[in-house]
Amino acid sequence: MRNWMKIGILLISVVLVMTIISVGMAFAEEEKVTSLVVDPISGEPGAKLAFYGAGFIPGEKVKVIMAVDGVPFAFAVANTGGFVTVNVYGAFKLVPAGGIPTVMLKPGIYTIEAIGDKGSRATAPLEVLEKK
């Protein structure tokens, strides 16, 4: 009978350890939060923008886009294929040649998306003001 009790206690201990490990791994995954900041957060069509990302996978290639009437518009620097590469700290800075698109754009709040080729994603709002 004592052997069964020892085996039962051992099994319960193993289950508890496995549970603690899996919960710890879940929390570790949740700690990695991606973020995207648009500077400035509002402007007229044609205004220059800068994008700052954090929490991405180092070396990941990220495309920063905005959909206008269902058409994606990519913000990029020339000769990059439309991507910015994340540094070893999981961050990037993108200062594209173009600013807020001047075509097919109405005043309102738009969503900017940073989409990484390794699965990371982040969004940020951009308010487009009426051109004066």
N, C-alpha and C. Protein backbone atom coordinates (compact mmCIF):
# COMPACT_ATOMS: atom_id res chain seq x y z
N MET A 1 0.81 -1.19 0.00
CA MET A 1 0.00 0.00 0.00
C MET A 1 0.86 1.26 0.00
N ARG A 2 1.96 1.20 0.73
CA ARG A 2 2.82 2.37 0.81
C ARG A 2 3.42 2.69 -0.55
N ASN A 3 3.74 1.69 -1.35
CA ASN A 3 4.29 1.93 -2.68
C ASN A 3 3.29 2.69 -3.55
N TRP A 4 2.01 2.34 -3.45
CA TRP A 4 0.99 3.03 -4.23
C TRP A 4 0.90 4.49 -3.81
N MET A 5 1.03 4.73 -2.52
CA MET A 5 0.98 6.11 -2.03
C MET A 5 2.18 6.91 -2.53
N LYS A 6 3.37 6.27 -2.52
CA LYS A 6 4.55 6.94 -3.02
C LYS A 6 4.42 7.25 -4.51
N ILE A 7 3.89 6.30 -5.26
CA ILE A 7 3.70 6.50 -6.71
C ILE A 7 2.66 7.60 -6.94
N GLY A 8 1.60 7.61 -6.17
CA GLY A 8 0.56 8.64 -6.29
C GLY A 8 1.11 10.02 -5.98
N ILE A 9 1.90 10.13 -4.93
CA ILE A 9 2.50 11.42 -4.56
C ILE A 9 3.47 11.86 -5.65
N LEU A 10 4.26 10.92 -6.19
CA LEU A 10 5.19 11.23 -7.26
C LEU A 10 4.44 11.73 -8.50
N LEU A 11 3.36 11.06 -8.87
CA LEU A 11 2.57 11.49 -10.03
C LEU A 11 1.97 12.87 -9.82
N ILE A 12 1.45 13.12 -8.65
CA ILE A 12 0.88 14.43 -8.34
C ILE A 12 1.97 15.50 -8.42
N SER A 13 3.16 15.19 -7.90
CA SER A 13 4.27 16.14 -7.95
C SER A 13 4.67 16.44 -9.39
N VAL A 14 4.74 15.42 -10.22
CA VAL A 14 5.11 15.62 -11.63
C VAL A 14 4.07 16.49 -12.32
N VAL A 15 2.80 16.24 -12.08
CA VAL A 15 1.73 17.04 -12.70
C VAL A 15 1.83 18.49 -12.23
N LEU A 16 2.08 18.71 -10.96
CA LEU A 16 2.21 20.08 -10.44
C LEU A 16 3.40 20.80 -11.08
N VAL A 17 4.53 20.11 -11.19
CA VAL A 17 5.71 20.73 -11.80
C VAL A 17 5.43 21.07 -13.26
N MET A 18 4.82 20.16 -13.99
CA MET A 18 4.51 20.40 -15.40
C MET A 18 3.54 21.58 -15.54
N THR A 19 2.57 21.68 -14.65
CA THR A 19 1.62 22.78 -14.68
C THR A 19 2.33 24.11 -14.42
N ILE A 20 3.18 24.13 -13.44
CA ILE A 20 3.93 25.36 -13.11
C ILE A 20 4.79 25.78 -14.30
N ILE A 21 5.46 24.83 -14.93
CA ILE A 21 6.31 25.14 -16.09
C ILE A 21 5.48 25.69 -17.23
N SER A 22 4.34 25.06 -17.53
CA SER A 22 3.52 25.53 -18.65
C SER A 22 2.91 26.90 -18.37
N VAL A 23 2.51 27.17 -17.14
CA VAL A 23 1.98 28.49 -16.79
C VAL A 23 3.08 29.53 -16.90
N GLY A 24 4.28 29.20 -16.44
CA GLY A 24 5.42 30.11 -16.55
C GLY A 24 5.74 30.43 -18.00
N MET A 25 5.68 29.43 -18.87
CA MET A 25 5.95 29.66 -20.29
C MET A 25 4.87 30.54 -20.91
N ALA A 26 3.63 30.36 -20.49
CA ALA A 26 2.55 31.19 -21.02
C ALA A 26 2.76 32.65 -20.63
N PHE A 27 3.16 32.89 -19.37
CA PHE A 27 3.42 34.25 -18.94
C PHE A 27 4.63 34.84 -19.66
N ALA A 28 5.64 34.03 -19.91
CA ALA A 28 6.83 34.51 -20.62
C ALA A 28 6.46 34.95 -22.03
N GLU A 29 5.56 34.19 -22.69
CA GLU A 29 5.14 34.56 -24.04
C GLU A 29 4.31 35.84 -24.01
N GLU A 30 3.51 36.04 -22.98
CA GLU A 30 2.68 37.23 -22.89
C GLU A 30 3.50 38.49 -22.65
N GLU A 31 4.68 38.35 -22.05
CA GLU A 31 5.51 39.51 -21.76
C GLU A 31 5.99 40.18 -23.03
N LYS A 32 6.11 39.43 -24.13
CA LYS A 32 6.60 39.99 -25.38
C LYS A 32 5.43 40.66 -26.10
N VAL A 33 5.34 41.95 -25.94
CA VAL A 33 4.26 42.72 -26.53
C VAL A 33 4.85 43.64 -27.59
N THR A 34 4.30 43.57 -28.78
CA THR A 34 4.76 44.47 -29.84
C THR A 34 4.02 45.79 -29.74
N SER A 35 4.68 46.84 -30.18
CA SER A 35 4.04 48.15 -30.19
C SER A 35 4.50 48.93 -31.40
N LEU A 36 3.66 49.85 -31.81
CA LEU A 36 3.95 50.72 -32.94
C LEU A 36 3.52 52.13 -32.56
N VAL A 37 4.40 53.09 -32.83
CA VAL A 37 4.10 54.50 -32.57
C VAL A 37 4.26 55.26 -33.88
N VAL A 38 3.27 56.11 -34.17
CA VAL A 38 3.33 56.97 -35.35
C VAL A 38 3.56 58.40 -34.86
N ASP A 39 4.54 59.07 -35.48
CA ASP A 39 4.87 60.43 -35.08
C ASP A 39 4.88 61.33 -36.31
N PRO A 40 4.03 62.34 -36.36
CA PRO A 40 2.99 62.72 -35.39
C PRO A 40 1.78 61.80 -35.55
N ILE A 41 0.87 61.86 -34.59
CA ILE A 41 -0.31 60.98 -34.64
C ILE A 41 -1.42 61.55 -35.51
N SER A 42 -1.24 62.78 -35.99
CA SER A 42 -2.22 63.36 -36.89
C SER A 42 -1.53 64.34 -37.83
N GLY A 43 -2.14 64.55 -38.99
CA GLY A 43 -1.58 65.49 -39.94
C GLY A 43 -2.40 65.54 -41.23
N GLU A 44 -2.09 66.51 -42.05
CA GLU A 44 -2.75 66.65 -43.35
C GLU A 44 -2.08 65.73 -44.37
N PRO A 45 -2.78 65.40 -45.46
CA PRO A 45 -2.15 64.62 -46.52
C PRO A 45 -0.86 65.28 -46.97
N GLY A 46 0.17 64.47 -47.14
CA GLY A 46 1.49 64.97 -47.52
C GLY A 46 2.43 65.19 -46.34
N ALA A 47 1.90 65.23 -45.12
CA ALA A 47 2.74 65.43 -43.93
C ALA A 47 3.72 64.27 -43.77
N LYS A 48 4.94 64.57 -43.38
CA LYS A 48 5.96 63.55 -43.15
C LYS A 48 5.67 62.80 -41.86
N LEU A 49 6.00 61.51 -41.85
CA LEU A 49 5.76 60.66 -40.70
C LEU A 49 7.02 59.90 -40.33
N ALA A 50 7.06 59.43 -39.09
CA ALA A 50 8.08 58.49 -38.63
C ALA A 50 7.36 57.38 -37.87
N PHE A 51 7.86 56.17 -37.99
CA PHE A 51 7.26 55.01 -37.33
C PHE A 51 8.32 54.36 -36.44
N TYR A 52 7.91 54.02 -35.22
CA TYR A 52 8.79 53.39 -34.25
C TYR A 52 8.12 52.11 -33.77
N GLY A 53 8.83 50.99 -33.86
CA GLY A 53 8.30 49.71 -33.43
C GLY A 53 9.17 49.11 -32.34
N ALA A 54 8.57 48.33 -31.45
CA ALA A 54 9.31 47.64 -30.39
C ALA A 54 8.64 46.31 -30.09
N GLY A 55 9.41 45.38 -29.54
CA GLY A 55 8.88 44.07 -29.17
C GLY A 55 8.83 43.09 -30.33
N PHE A 56 9.47 43.41 -31.44
CA PHE A 56 9.49 42.52 -32.60
C PHE A 56 10.64 41.53 -32.45
N ILE A 57 10.69 40.54 -33.32
CA ILE A 57 11.74 39.54 -33.29
C ILE A 57 12.99 40.12 -33.96
N PRO A 58 14.14 40.06 -33.28
CA PRO A 58 15.37 40.60 -33.88
C PRO A 58 15.62 39.99 -35.27
N GLY A 59 15.97 40.86 -36.23
CA GLY A 59 16.23 40.42 -37.59
C GLY A 59 14.99 40.30 -38.45
N GLU A 60 13.82 40.43 -37.86
CA GLU A 60 12.57 40.30 -38.60
C GLU A 60 12.45 41.45 -39.61
N LYS A 61 11.87 41.16 -40.75
CA LYS A 61 11.62 42.18 -41.75
C LYS A 61 10.16 42.60 -41.62
N VAL A 62 9.95 43.91 -41.42
CA VAL A 62 8.62 44.44 -41.13
C VAL A 62 8.19 45.37 -42.26
N LYS A 63 6.92 45.23 -42.65
CA LYS A 63 6.32 46.13 -43.62
C LYS A 63 5.30 46.99 -42.87
N VAL A 64 5.35 48.30 -43.08
CA VAL A 64 4.41 49.23 -42.43
C VAL A 64 3.42 49.67 -43.49
N ILE A 65 2.13 49.37 -43.26
CA ILE A 65 1.12 49.65 -44.28
C ILE A 65 -0.11 50.34 -43.68
N MET A 66 -0.87 50.95 -44.57
CA MET A 66 -2.15 51.55 -44.24
C MET A 66 -3.07 51.25 -45.41
N ALA A 67 -4.27 50.76 -45.12
CA ALA A 67 -5.24 50.49 -46.18
C ALA A 67 -6.11 51.72 -46.38
N VAL A 68 -6.21 52.15 -47.64
CA VAL A 68 -7.05 53.29 -48.00
C VAL A 68 -8.05 52.78 -49.02
N ASP A 69 -9.33 52.79 -48.64
CA ASP A 69 -10.39 52.26 -49.49
C ASP A 69 -10.08 50.84 -49.97
N GLY A 70 -9.52 50.03 -49.08
CA GLY A 70 -9.21 48.65 -49.39
C GLY A 70 -7.90 48.43 -50.13
N VAL A 71 -7.22 49.51 -50.47
CA VAL A 71 -5.95 49.41 -51.19
C VAL A 71 -4.81 49.64 -50.20
N PRO A 72 -3.88 48.66 -50.05
CA PRO A 72 -2.78 48.86 -49.11
C PRO A 72 -1.76 49.86 -49.64
N PHE A 73 -1.30 50.73 -48.76
CA PHE A 73 -0.26 51.71 -49.07
C PHE A 73 0.90 51.41 -48.14
N ALA A 74 2.07 51.09 -48.70
CA ALA A 74 3.24 50.75 -47.88
C ALA A 74 4.11 51.98 -47.70
N PHE A 75 4.55 52.18 -46.48
CA PHE A 75 5.50 53.25 -46.17
C PHE A 75 6.89 52.61 -46.23
N ALA A 76 7.81 53.22 -46.97
CA ALA A 76 9.12 52.59 -47.12
C ALA A 76 10.19 53.60 -47.48
N VAL A 77 11.41 53.12 -47.40
CA VAL A 77 12.59 53.86 -47.83
C VAL A 77 13.02 53.23 -49.15
N ALA A 78 13.52 54.02 -50.07
CA ALA A 78 13.94 53.51 -51.38
C ALA A 78 14.94 52.37 -51.25
N ASN A 79 14.84 51.42 -52.17
CA ASN A 79 15.75 50.28 -52.28
C ASN A 79 15.72 49.33 -51.09
N THR A 80 14.57 49.23 -50.42
CA THR A 80 14.45 48.29 -49.29
C THR A 80 13.41 47.22 -49.57
N GLY A 81 12.77 47.28 -50.71
CA GLY A 81 11.71 46.33 -51.00
C GLY A 81 10.48 46.56 -50.15
N GLY A 82 10.40 47.71 -49.50
CA GLY A 82 9.24 48.03 -48.67
C GLY A 82 9.35 47.51 -47.24
N PHE A 83 10.51 46.97 -46.87
CA PHE A 83 10.69 46.42 -45.53
C PHE A 83 11.69 47.24 -44.73
N VAL A 84 11.54 47.18 -43.42
CA VAL A 84 12.53 47.71 -42.49
C VAL A 84 12.96 46.52 -41.63
N THR A 85 14.25 46.43 -41.32
CA THR A 85 14.76 45.30 -40.55
C THR A 85 14.86 45.67 -39.07
N VAL A 86 14.34 44.78 -38.24
CA VAL A 86 14.33 44.97 -36.79
C VAL A 86 15.75 44.77 -36.24
N ASN A 87 16.16 45.63 -35.31
CA ASN A 87 17.51 45.52 -34.74
C ASN A 87 17.57 44.41 -33.68
N VAL A 88 18.75 44.22 -33.08
CA VAL A 88 18.95 43.14 -32.10
C VAL A 88 18.12 43.32 -30.84
N TYR A 89 17.62 44.50 -30.61
CA TYR A 89 16.78 44.78 -29.43
C TYR A 89 15.29 44.63 -29.72
N GLY A 90 14.94 44.23 -30.95
CA GLY A 90 13.54 44.05 -31.30
C GLY A 90 12.84 45.32 -31.69
N ALA A 91 13.61 46.35 -32.05
CA ALA A 91 13.02 47.66 -32.37
C ALA A 91 13.37 48.09 -33.80
N PHE A 92 12.59 49.01 -34.31
CA PHE A 92 12.92 49.60 -35.60
C PHE A 92 12.43 51.05 -35.65
N LYS A 93 13.04 51.80 -36.55
CA LYS A 93 12.61 53.17 -36.84
C LYS A 93 12.53 53.27 -38.35
N LEU A 94 11.41 53.80 -38.83
CA LEU A 94 11.21 53.98 -40.26
C LEU A 94 10.80 55.42 -40.51
N VAL A 95 11.59 56.11 -41.32
CA VAL A 95 11.25 57.46 -41.76
C VAL A 95 11.14 57.38 -43.29
N PRO A 96 9.92 57.11 -43.79
CA PRO A 96 9.76 56.90 -45.23
C PRO A 96 9.95 58.19 -46.03
N ALA A 97 10.25 57.99 -47.32
CA ALA A 97 10.43 59.13 -48.22
C ALA A 97 9.11 59.90 -48.36
N GLY A 98 8.01 59.17 -48.49
CA GLY A 98 6.70 59.82 -48.62
C GLY A 98 6.04 59.97 -47.27
N GLY A 99 5.06 60.81 -47.21
CA GLY A 99 4.32 61.01 -45.97
C GLY A 99 2.93 60.43 -46.07
N ILE A 100 1.97 61.12 -45.48
CA ILE A 100 0.58 60.67 -45.55
C ILE A 100 0.15 60.73 -47.01
N PRO A 101 -0.39 59.63 -47.55
CA PRO A 101 -0.77 59.62 -48.96
C PRO A 101 -1.71 60.77 -49.31
N THR A 102 -1.56 61.29 -50.51
CA THR A 102 -2.40 62.43 -50.92
C THR A 102 -3.54 62.00 -51.83
N VAL A 103 -3.54 60.75 -52.27
CA VAL A 103 -4.62 60.27 -53.15
C VAL A 103 -5.54 59.34 -52.38
N MET A 104 -6.79 59.27 -52.80
CA MET A 104 -7.80 58.37 -52.22
C MET A 104 -7.91 58.49 -50.71
N LEU A 105 -7.71 59.65 -50.18
CA LEU A 105 -7.69 59.79 -48.74
C LEU A 105 -8.69 60.85 -48.28
N LYS A 106 -9.55 60.43 -47.36
CA LYS A 106 -10.51 61.35 -46.76
C LYS A 106 -10.10 61.59 -45.31
N PRO A 107 -10.47 62.73 -44.74
CA PRO A 107 -10.18 62.95 -43.32
C PRO A 107 -10.80 61.84 -42.47
N GLY A 108 -10.11 61.46 -41.43
CA GLY A 108 -10.61 60.42 -40.54
C GLY A 108 -9.46 59.73 -39.84
N ILE A 109 -9.79 58.68 -39.10
CA ILE A 109 -8.78 57.92 -38.37
C ILE A 109 -8.53 56.61 -39.12
N TYR A 110 -7.27 56.36 -39.40
CA TYR A 110 -6.84 55.17 -40.13
C TYR A 110 -5.96 54.31 -39.22
N THR A 111 -5.89 53.03 -39.54
CA THR A 111 -5.05 52.12 -38.78
C THR A 111 -3.77 51.84 -39.56
N ILE A 112 -2.65 52.06 -38.92
CA ILE A 112 -1.35 51.73 -39.48
C ILE A 112 -0.98 50.36 -38.92
N GLU A 113 -0.51 49.46 -39.78
CA GLU A 113 -0.11 48.14 -39.34
C GLU A 113 1.37 47.90 -39.62
N ALA A 114 2.06 47.32 -38.65
CA ALA A 114 3.43 46.85 -38.84
C ALA A 114 3.34 45.33 -38.81
N ILE A 115 3.68 44.70 -39.94
CA ILE A 115 3.52 43.25 -40.07
C ILE A 115 4.89 42.64 -40.36
N GLY A 116 5.35 41.78 -39.45
CA GLY A 116 6.65 41.14 -39.59
C GLY A 116 6.57 39.83 -40.35
N ASP A 117 7.67 39.47 -41.00
CA ASP A 117 7.70 38.22 -41.76
C ASP A 117 7.84 36.99 -40.87
N LYS A 118 8.00 37.18 -39.55
CA LYS A 118 8.08 36.05 -38.61
C LYS A 118 6.84 36.00 -37.72
N GLY A 119 5.82 36.77 -38.09
CA GLY A 119 4.55 36.70 -37.38
C GLY A 119 4.24 37.83 -36.41
N SER A 120 5.17 38.71 -36.15
CA SER A 120 4.89 39.82 -35.24
C SER A 120 3.97 40.84 -35.91
N ARG A 121 3.11 41.46 -35.12
CA ARG A 121 2.19 42.47 -35.64
C ARG A 121 1.95 43.52 -34.58
N ALA A 122 1.73 44.75 -35.04
CA ALA A 122 1.34 45.83 -34.14
C ALA A 122 0.55 46.84 -34.95
N THR A 123 -0.31 47.59 -34.28
CA THR A 123 -1.10 48.61 -34.96
C THR A 123 -1.05 49.91 -34.17
N ALA A 124 -1.33 50.99 -34.89
CA ALA A 124 -1.40 52.31 -34.26
C ALA A 124 -2.35 53.17 -35.10
N PRO A 125 -3.04 54.10 -34.47
CA PRO A 125 -3.93 54.99 -35.22
C PRO A 125 -3.18 56.16 -35.85
N LEU A 126 -3.73 56.66 -36.93
CA LEU A 126 -3.24 57.89 -37.57
C LEU A 126 -4.48 58.70 -37.96
N GLU A 127 -4.55 59.92 -37.45
CA GLU A 127 -5.66 60.79 -37.81
C GLU A 127 -5.24 61.67 -38.98
N VAL A 128 -6.00 61.56 -40.07
CA VAL A 128 -5.75 62.39 -41.23
C VAL A 128 -6.70 63.58 -41.17
N LEU A 129 -6.10 64.76 -41.20
CA LEU A 129 -6.87 66.00 -41.12
C LEU A 129 -7.22 66.49 -42.51
N GLU A 130 -8.23 67.33 -42.58
CA GLU A 130 -8.62 67.92 -43.87
C GLU A 130 -7.53 68.88 -44.31
N LYS A 131 -7.18 68.78 -45.60
CA LYS A 131 -6.14 69.66 -46.14
C LYS A 131 -6.67 71.08 -46.19
N LYS A 132 -5.88 72.03 -45.70
CA LYS A 132 -6.29 73.43 -45.66
C LYS A 132 -5.92 74.15 -46.94
